[in-house]
Amino acid sequence: MKSIIALSVVVTLLLVGCADRDVPEYNGANYNVIKHYDIGTVIDERAVVISDDGSGGFFGSLIGAVIGSTIGRGRGSVLATLGGGIIGHYAGKEVEKANAQELTVQLDDGRNVVVVVKGREYRKGDRIKIIKDGNRVAQVERL
């Protein structure tokens, strides 16, 4: 049991990493690509939830099944493994959900766009810069 707890701690530390959480983050495959940006004003905002992309459910199932496999013997162990996997899947999906904001932005060129952001709070009237990687939003920064 102690080895499972130690393994869980090591995996958690590897997944969390050592990066600074208060700075913009770029995908390792696209950090050296020229990006374009638009500047505008937030004209409306509302709270939204971003659902799990599948990774939370997968890792939750895996960890739950491993922990469940240490419980019971014979058929009881099999049932505990299945139950641990199912409970872990649900818990992982819930943990991976993120609160976010849907912003309606009037760009300086007169166009209106909608972007979804997480991690920072924006309000009506905020001036923002939307950094784009092609047609994908890479970052949103308050000016």
N, C-alpha and C. Protein backbone atom coordinates (compact mmCIF):
# COMPACT_ATOMS: atom_id res chain seq x y z
N MET A 1 0.82 -1.19 0.00
CA MET A 1 0.00 0.00 0.00
C MET A 1 0.87 1.26 0.00
N LYS A 2 1.98 1.21 0.76
CA LYS A 2 2.87 2.37 0.81
C LYS A 2 3.47 2.66 -0.55
N SER A 3 3.76 1.61 -1.33
CA SER A 3 4.35 1.83 -2.65
C SER A 3 3.34 2.48 -3.60
N ILE A 4 2.07 2.16 -3.46
CA ILE A 4 1.04 2.78 -4.30
C ILE A 4 0.91 4.25 -3.96
N ILE A 5 0.93 4.59 -2.69
CA ILE A 5 0.85 5.99 -2.28
C ILE A 5 2.07 6.75 -2.79
N ALA A 6 3.26 6.16 -2.65
CA ALA A 6 4.48 6.81 -3.14
C ALA A 6 4.41 7.01 -4.65
N LEU A 7 3.93 6.01 -5.39
CA LEU A 7 3.79 6.12 -6.84
C LEU A 7 2.80 7.23 -7.19
N SER A 8 1.70 7.32 -6.47
CA SER A 8 0.70 8.37 -6.71
C SER A 8 1.30 9.75 -6.50
N VAL A 9 2.10 9.92 -5.46
CA VAL A 9 2.74 11.21 -5.19
C VAL A 9 3.71 11.57 -6.31
N VAL A 10 4.52 10.60 -6.76
CA VAL A 10 5.48 10.85 -7.83
C VAL A 10 4.76 11.24 -9.12
N VAL A 11 3.70 10.51 -9.47
CA VAL A 11 2.94 10.82 -10.69
C VAL A 11 2.32 12.21 -10.59
N THR A 12 1.78 12.55 -9.44
CA THR A 12 1.18 13.88 -9.25
C THR A 12 2.22 14.97 -9.44
N LEU A 13 3.39 14.80 -8.85
CA LEU A 13 4.44 15.80 -9.00
C LEU A 13 4.90 15.93 -10.44
N LEU A 14 4.96 14.83 -11.17
CA LEU A 14 5.35 14.89 -12.57
C LEU A 14 4.31 15.62 -13.40
N LEU A 15 3.03 15.40 -13.09
CA LEU A 15 1.96 16.04 -13.85
C LEU A 15 1.85 17.52 -13.54
N VAL A 16 2.12 17.92 -12.30
CA VAL A 16 2.01 19.31 -11.91
C VAL A 16 3.13 20.13 -12.51
N GLY A 17 4.36 19.60 -12.50
CA GLY A 17 5.50 20.31 -13.08
C GLY A 17 5.97 21.46 -12.22
N CYS A 18 6.95 22.16 -12.73
CA CYS A 18 7.59 23.23 -11.97
C CYS A 18 7.41 24.59 -12.61
N ALA A 19 6.61 24.71 -13.65
CA ALA A 19 6.47 25.97 -14.37
C ALA A 19 5.74 27.01 -13.55
N ASP A 20 6.03 28.27 -13.83
CA ASP A 20 5.37 29.40 -13.18
C ASP A 20 3.94 29.47 -13.68
N ARG A 21 2.97 29.57 -12.79
CA ARG A 21 1.56 29.53 -13.17
C ARG A 21 0.98 30.92 -13.47
N ASP A 22 1.73 31.99 -13.23
CA ASP A 22 1.19 33.34 -13.44
C ASP A 22 1.62 33.96 -14.76
N VAL A 23 2.17 33.18 -15.67
CA VAL A 23 2.60 33.70 -16.96
C VAL A 23 1.89 32.94 -18.06
N PRO A 24 1.77 33.55 -19.25
CA PRO A 24 1.13 32.84 -20.36
C PRO A 24 1.86 31.54 -20.68
N GLU A 25 1.11 30.53 -21.13
CA GLU A 25 1.69 29.23 -21.45
C GLU A 25 1.43 28.91 -22.91
N TYR A 26 2.47 28.48 -23.61
CA TYR A 26 2.34 28.10 -25.01
C TYR A 26 2.62 26.61 -25.17
N ASN A 27 1.96 26.00 -26.13
CA ASN A 27 2.19 24.62 -26.49
C ASN A 27 3.61 24.49 -27.03
N GLY A 28 4.33 23.45 -26.65
CA GLY A 28 5.71 23.26 -27.08
C GLY A 28 5.88 23.16 -28.58
N ALA A 29 4.84 22.78 -29.30
CA ALA A 29 4.93 22.63 -30.75
C ALA A 29 4.72 23.95 -31.50
N ASN A 30 4.18 24.97 -30.84
CA ASN A 30 3.87 26.19 -31.60
C ASN A 30 4.39 27.46 -30.95
N TYR A 31 5.36 27.37 -30.10
CA TYR A 31 5.87 28.58 -29.45
C TYR A 31 6.72 29.44 -30.38
N ASN A 32 7.27 28.88 -31.43
CA ASN A 32 8.15 29.63 -32.32
C ASN A 32 7.48 29.99 -33.65
N VAL A 33 6.16 30.14 -33.64
CA VAL A 33 5.38 30.49 -34.82
C VAL A 33 4.96 31.95 -34.72
N ILE A 34 5.00 32.67 -35.84
CA ILE A 34 4.54 34.06 -35.84
C ILE A 34 3.04 34.07 -35.57
N LYS A 35 2.63 34.90 -34.64
CA LYS A 35 1.23 35.00 -34.27
C LYS A 35 0.74 36.42 -34.60
N HIS A 36 -0.56 36.54 -34.73
CA HIS A 36 -1.17 37.84 -34.98
C HIS A 36 -2.07 38.17 -33.81
N TYR A 37 -2.42 39.45 -33.66
CA TYR A 37 -3.29 39.81 -32.54
C TYR A 37 -4.29 40.87 -32.96
N ASP A 38 -5.37 40.91 -32.19
CA ASP A 38 -6.40 41.94 -32.32
C ASP A 38 -6.55 42.59 -30.97
N ILE A 39 -6.90 43.87 -30.98
CA ILE A 39 -7.16 44.60 -29.75
C ILE A 39 -8.60 45.06 -29.76
N GLY A 40 -9.25 44.96 -28.60
CA GLY A 40 -10.64 45.36 -28.52
C GLY A 40 -11.08 45.59 -27.09
N THR A 41 -12.39 45.81 -26.94
CA THR A 41 -13.00 46.09 -25.66
C THR A 41 -14.07 45.05 -25.37
N VAL A 42 -14.05 44.52 -24.14
CA VAL A 42 -15.06 43.55 -23.73
C VAL A 42 -16.40 44.28 -23.61
N ILE A 43 -17.40 43.81 -24.37
CA ILE A 43 -18.72 44.45 -24.29
C ILE A 43 -19.74 43.57 -23.56
N ASP A 44 -19.40 42.29 -23.36
CA ASP A 44 -20.27 41.41 -22.60
C ASP A 44 -19.45 40.22 -22.11
N GLU A 45 -19.85 39.65 -20.98
CA GLU A 45 -19.16 38.48 -20.44
C GLU A 45 -20.16 37.63 -19.69
N ARG A 46 -19.90 36.32 -19.69
CA ARG A 46 -20.72 35.42 -18.90
C ARG A 46 -19.89 34.21 -18.50
N ALA A 47 -20.26 33.62 -17.39
CA ALA A 47 -19.56 32.45 -16.87
C ALA A 47 -19.94 31.21 -17.67
N VAL A 48 -18.95 30.36 -17.96
CA VAL A 48 -19.17 29.09 -18.63
C VAL A 48 -18.27 28.04 -17.97
N VAL A 49 -18.49 26.77 -18.29
CA VAL A 49 -17.66 25.68 -17.79
C VAL A 49 -17.06 24.96 -18.99
N ILE A 50 -15.75 24.70 -18.93
CA ILE A 50 -15.07 23.94 -19.97
C ILE A 50 -15.03 22.49 -19.48
N SER A 51 -15.55 21.58 -20.29
CA SER A 51 -15.61 20.17 -19.87
C SER A 51 -14.26 19.48 -20.08
N ASP A 52 -14.14 18.30 -19.49
CA ASP A 52 -12.93 17.48 -19.58
C ASP A 52 -12.67 17.08 -21.02
N ASP A 53 -11.42 17.13 -21.44
CA ASP A 53 -11.06 16.73 -22.80
C ASP A 53 -10.83 15.22 -22.91
N GLY A 54 -11.06 14.50 -21.82
CA GLY A 54 -10.88 13.05 -21.82
C GLY A 54 -9.73 12.60 -20.94
N SER A 55 -8.76 13.47 -20.72
CA SER A 55 -7.58 13.07 -19.95
C SER A 55 -7.92 12.86 -18.47
N GLY A 56 -8.79 13.68 -17.91
CA GLY A 56 -9.16 13.53 -16.50
C GLY A 56 -9.85 12.20 -16.25
N GLY A 57 -10.77 11.84 -17.12
CA GLY A 57 -11.47 10.56 -16.98
C GLY A 57 -10.54 9.39 -17.14
N PHE A 58 -9.60 9.49 -18.09
CA PHE A 58 -8.64 8.40 -18.31
C PHE A 58 -7.75 8.19 -17.10
N PHE A 59 -7.11 9.28 -16.63
CA PHE A 59 -6.21 9.14 -15.50
C PHE A 59 -6.96 8.77 -14.22
N GLY A 60 -8.18 9.30 -14.06
CA GLY A 60 -9.00 8.93 -12.91
C GLY A 60 -9.32 7.45 -12.91
N SER A 61 -9.68 6.91 -14.08
CA SER A 61 -9.97 5.47 -14.20
C SER A 61 -8.75 4.64 -13.87
N LEU A 62 -7.62 5.05 -14.39
CA LEU A 62 -6.37 4.32 -14.17
C LEU A 62 -6.01 4.30 -12.69
N ILE A 63 -6.00 5.46 -12.05
CA ILE A 63 -5.64 5.53 -10.63
C ILE A 63 -6.67 4.80 -9.77
N GLY A 64 -7.96 4.99 -10.08
CA GLY A 64 -9.01 4.30 -9.33
C GLY A 64 -8.90 2.79 -9.44
N ALA A 65 -8.59 2.29 -10.64
CA ALA A 65 -8.46 0.85 -10.82
C ALA A 65 -7.26 0.30 -10.06
N VAL A 66 -6.15 1.04 -10.09
CA VAL A 66 -4.96 0.59 -9.35
C VAL A 66 -5.25 0.54 -7.86
N ILE A 67 -5.86 1.58 -7.34
CA ILE A 67 -6.18 1.60 -5.91
C ILE A 67 -7.20 0.52 -5.58
N GLY A 68 -8.22 0.37 -6.43
CA GLY A 68 -9.24 -0.66 -6.21
C GLY A 68 -8.68 -2.07 -6.23
N SER A 69 -7.63 -2.30 -7.04
CA SER A 69 -7.05 -3.65 -7.15
C SER A 69 -6.34 -4.09 -5.87
N THR A 70 -6.06 -3.16 -4.99
CA THR A 70 -5.39 -3.51 -3.72
C THR A 70 -6.38 -3.94 -2.65
N ILE A 71 -7.68 -3.85 -2.98
CA ILE A 71 -8.71 -4.15 -2.00
C ILE A 71 -9.31 -5.53 -2.29
N GLY A 72 -9.49 -6.33 -1.27
CA GLY A 72 -10.17 -7.62 -1.39
C GLY A 72 -9.32 -8.71 -2.03
N ARG A 73 -9.95 -9.89 -2.18
CA ARG A 73 -9.30 -11.05 -2.79
C ARG A 73 -10.27 -11.72 -3.75
N GLY A 74 -9.75 -12.39 -4.75
CA GLY A 74 -10.59 -13.13 -5.69
C GLY A 74 -11.56 -12.23 -6.42
N ARG A 75 -12.86 -12.64 -6.40
CA ARG A 75 -13.88 -11.84 -7.08
C ARG A 75 -14.05 -10.46 -6.45
N GLY A 76 -13.84 -10.40 -5.17
CA GLY A 76 -13.94 -9.10 -4.48
C GLY A 76 -12.91 -8.12 -5.01
N SER A 77 -11.72 -8.59 -5.33
CA SER A 77 -10.68 -7.73 -5.88
C SER A 77 -11.05 -7.24 -7.27
N VAL A 78 -11.64 -8.15 -8.06
CA VAL A 78 -12.08 -7.77 -9.41
C VAL A 78 -13.15 -6.70 -9.34
N LEU A 79 -14.13 -6.89 -8.45
CA LEU A 79 -15.19 -5.90 -8.29
C LEU A 79 -14.65 -4.58 -7.76
N ALA A 80 -13.70 -4.63 -6.82
CA ALA A 80 -13.11 -3.41 -6.30
C ALA A 80 -12.32 -2.68 -7.39
N THR A 81 -11.64 -3.43 -8.26
CA THR A 81 -10.90 -2.82 -9.37
C THR A 81 -11.86 -2.13 -10.32
N LEU A 82 -12.95 -2.81 -10.69
CA LEU A 82 -13.96 -2.21 -11.57
C LEU A 82 -14.60 -0.98 -10.92
N GLY A 83 -14.99 -1.12 -9.67
CA GLY A 83 -15.60 0.01 -8.96
C GLY A 83 -14.65 1.19 -8.84
N GLY A 84 -13.39 0.91 -8.53
CA GLY A 84 -12.39 1.97 -8.43
C GLY A 84 -12.20 2.68 -9.75
N GLY A 85 -12.20 1.91 -10.84
CA GLY A 85 -12.07 2.51 -12.17
C GLY A 85 -13.24 3.40 -12.54
N ILE A 86 -14.45 2.93 -12.22
CA ILE A 86 -15.66 3.71 -12.53
C ILE A 86 -15.71 4.99 -11.70
N ILE A 87 -15.47 4.86 -10.41
CA ILE A 87 -15.50 6.03 -9.53
C ILE A 87 -14.37 7.00 -9.91
N GLY A 88 -13.18 6.46 -10.21
CA GLY A 88 -12.06 7.29 -10.62
C GLY A 88 -12.34 8.05 -11.90
N HIS A 89 -13.01 7.39 -12.85
CA HIS A 89 -13.37 8.04 -14.12
C HIS A 89 -14.26 9.26 -13.87
N TYR A 90 -15.31 9.05 -13.08
CA TYR A 90 -16.23 10.15 -12.78
C TYR A 90 -15.49 11.28 -12.04
N ALA A 91 -14.71 10.93 -11.02
CA ALA A 91 -13.99 11.94 -10.24
C ALA A 91 -13.00 12.69 -11.13
N GLY A 92 -12.29 11.99 -12.00
CA GLY A 92 -11.33 12.63 -12.89
C GLY A 92 -11.98 13.60 -13.85
N LYS A 93 -13.15 13.22 -14.38
CA LYS A 93 -13.88 14.13 -15.28
C LYS A 93 -14.31 15.40 -14.56
N GLU A 94 -14.77 15.25 -13.32
CA GLU A 94 -15.21 16.42 -12.55
C GLU A 94 -14.04 17.32 -12.18
N VAL A 95 -12.91 16.73 -11.84
CA VAL A 95 -11.73 17.51 -11.47
C VAL A 95 -11.22 18.31 -12.66
N GLU A 96 -11.30 17.74 -13.85
CA GLU A 96 -10.77 18.40 -15.04
C GLU A 96 -11.67 19.50 -15.60
N LYS A 97 -12.88 19.64 -15.08
CA LYS A 97 -13.73 20.75 -15.53
C LYS A 97 -13.11 22.06 -15.05
N ALA A 98 -13.28 23.10 -15.84
CA ALA A 98 -12.69 24.38 -15.48
C ALA A 98 -13.71 25.50 -15.64
N ASN A 99 -13.74 26.40 -14.68
CA ASN A 99 -14.56 27.60 -14.81
C ASN A 99 -13.88 28.54 -15.80
N ALA A 100 -14.67 29.19 -16.62
CA ALA A 100 -14.13 30.08 -17.64
C ALA A 100 -15.12 31.21 -17.89
N GLN A 101 -14.74 32.10 -18.81
CA GLN A 101 -15.62 33.18 -19.22
C GLN A 101 -15.74 33.20 -20.73
N GLU A 102 -16.94 33.48 -21.19
CA GLU A 102 -17.17 33.72 -22.60
C GLU A 102 -17.24 35.23 -22.76
N LEU A 103 -16.31 35.78 -23.53
CA LEU A 103 -16.24 37.23 -23.72
C LEU A 103 -16.71 37.62 -25.11
N THR A 104 -17.59 38.60 -25.18
CA THR A 104 -17.93 39.21 -26.46
C THR A 104 -17.09 40.47 -26.53
N VAL A 105 -16.29 40.58 -27.59
CA VAL A 105 -15.32 41.66 -27.71
C VAL A 105 -15.59 42.44 -28.99
N GLN A 106 -15.65 43.76 -28.85
CA GLN A 106 -15.73 44.62 -30.03
C GLN A 106 -14.30 45.03 -30.35
N LEU A 107 -13.81 44.54 -31.50
CA LEU A 107 -12.45 44.84 -31.91
C LEU A 107 -12.35 46.28 -32.39
N ASP A 108 -11.15 46.81 -32.37
CA ASP A 108 -10.95 48.20 -32.79
C ASP A 108 -11.31 48.43 -34.25
N ASP A 109 -11.31 47.36 -35.07
CA ASP A 109 -11.68 47.52 -36.48
C ASP A 109 -13.20 47.43 -36.69
N GLY A 110 -13.98 47.32 -35.59
CA GLY A 110 -15.43 47.31 -35.68
C GLY A 110 -16.06 45.93 -35.64
N ARG A 111 -15.30 44.86 -35.85
CA ARG A 111 -15.85 43.50 -35.81
C ARG A 111 -16.11 43.08 -34.37
N ASN A 112 -17.08 42.20 -34.19
CA ASN A 112 -17.34 41.58 -32.89
C ASN A 112 -16.92 40.12 -32.96
N VAL A 113 -16.24 39.66 -31.90
CA VAL A 113 -15.83 38.26 -31.80
C VAL A 113 -16.17 37.75 -30.41
N VAL A 114 -16.23 36.43 -30.29
CA VAL A 114 -16.45 35.79 -28.99
C VAL A 114 -15.26 34.88 -28.72
N VAL A 115 -14.68 35.00 -27.52
CA VAL A 115 -13.58 34.13 -27.10
C VAL A 115 -13.90 33.57 -25.73
N VAL A 116 -13.43 32.35 -25.47
CA VAL A 116 -13.59 31.72 -24.16
C VAL A 116 -12.21 31.67 -23.52
N VAL A 117 -12.15 32.18 -22.28
CA VAL A 117 -10.87 32.25 -21.56
C VAL A 117 -11.05 31.67 -20.16
N LYS A 118 -9.96 31.12 -19.63
CA LYS A 118 -10.00 30.64 -18.25
C LYS A 118 -8.77 31.15 -17.52
N GLY A 119 -8.90 31.24 -16.21
CA GLY A 119 -7.77 31.62 -15.40
C GLY A 119 -7.72 33.06 -14.97
N ARG A 120 -8.41 33.93 -15.65
CA ARG A 120 -8.42 35.35 -15.28
C ARG A 120 -9.84 35.87 -15.41
N GLU A 121 -10.13 36.91 -14.65
CA GLU A 121 -11.46 37.52 -14.69
C GLU A 121 -11.43 38.79 -15.54
N TYR A 122 -12.34 38.91 -16.46
CA TYR A 122 -12.48 40.11 -17.29
C TYR A 122 -13.86 40.70 -17.06
N ARG A 123 -13.96 42.01 -17.24
CA ARG A 123 -15.24 42.72 -17.05
C ARG A 123 -15.55 43.58 -18.26
N LYS A 124 -16.82 43.95 -18.37
CA LYS A 124 -17.21 44.88 -19.43
C LYS A 124 -16.33 46.12 -19.35
N GLY A 125 -15.88 46.57 -20.52
CA GLY A 125 -15.04 47.76 -20.56
C GLY A 125 -13.55 47.48 -20.55
N ASP A 126 -13.15 46.27 -20.17
CA ASP A 126 -11.71 45.94 -20.18
C ASP A 126 -11.18 45.97 -21.60
N ARG A 127 -9.99 46.56 -21.77
CA ARG A 127 -9.29 46.54 -23.05
C ARG A 127 -8.41 45.29 -23.04
N ILE A 128 -8.51 44.49 -24.11
CA ILE A 128 -7.74 43.25 -24.16
C ILE A 128 -7.05 43.08 -25.51
N LYS A 129 -6.01 42.25 -25.49
CA LYS A 129 -5.30 41.84 -26.71
C LYS A 129 -5.54 40.34 -26.86
N ILE A 130 -6.05 39.94 -28.03
CA ILE A 130 -6.30 38.54 -28.33
C ILE A 130 -5.19 38.08 -29.27
N ILE A 131 -4.31 37.21 -28.79
CA ILE A 131 -3.20 36.70 -29.59
C ILE A 131 -3.69 35.43 -30.27
N LYS A 132 -3.56 35.39 -31.60
CA LYS A 132 -4.10 34.28 -32.38
C LYS A 132 -2.99 33.47 -33.04
N ASP A 133 -3.20 32.17 -33.07
CA ASP A 133 -2.33 31.25 -33.79
C ASP A 133 -3.19 30.69 -34.90
N GLY A 134 -3.13 31.31 -36.07
CA GLY A 134 -4.06 30.97 -37.14
C GLY A 134 -5.44 31.45 -36.74
N ASN A 135 -6.40 30.54 -36.65
CA ASN A 135 -7.75 30.90 -36.26
C ASN A 135 -8.03 30.50 -34.80
N ARG A 136 -6.99 30.05 -34.11
CA ARG A 136 -7.09 29.59 -32.72
C ARG A 136 -6.59 30.67 -31.78
N VAL A 137 -7.27 30.84 -30.65
CA VAL A 137 -6.85 31.82 -29.64
C VAL A 137 -5.71 31.20 -28.85
N ALA A 138 -4.55 31.87 -28.86
CA ALA A 138 -3.39 31.39 -28.12
C ALA A 138 -3.37 31.98 -26.71
N GLN A 139 -3.64 33.27 -26.60
CA GLN A 139 -3.64 33.96 -25.30
C GLN A 139 -4.59 35.14 -25.35
N VAL A 140 -5.06 35.55 -24.18
CA VAL A 140 -5.81 36.80 -24.04
C VAL A 140 -5.18 37.54 -22.88
N GLU A 141 -4.84 38.79 -23.14
CA GLU A 141 -4.17 39.61 -22.12
C GLU A 141 -4.92 40.91 -21.91
N ARG A 142 -4.98 41.34 -20.66
CA ARG A 142 -5.55 42.65 -20.34
C ARG A 142 -4.52 43.72 -20.64
N LEU A 143 -4.93 44.81 -21.29
CA LEU A 143 -4.01 45.92 -21.59
C LEU A 143 -4.04 46.95 -20.49
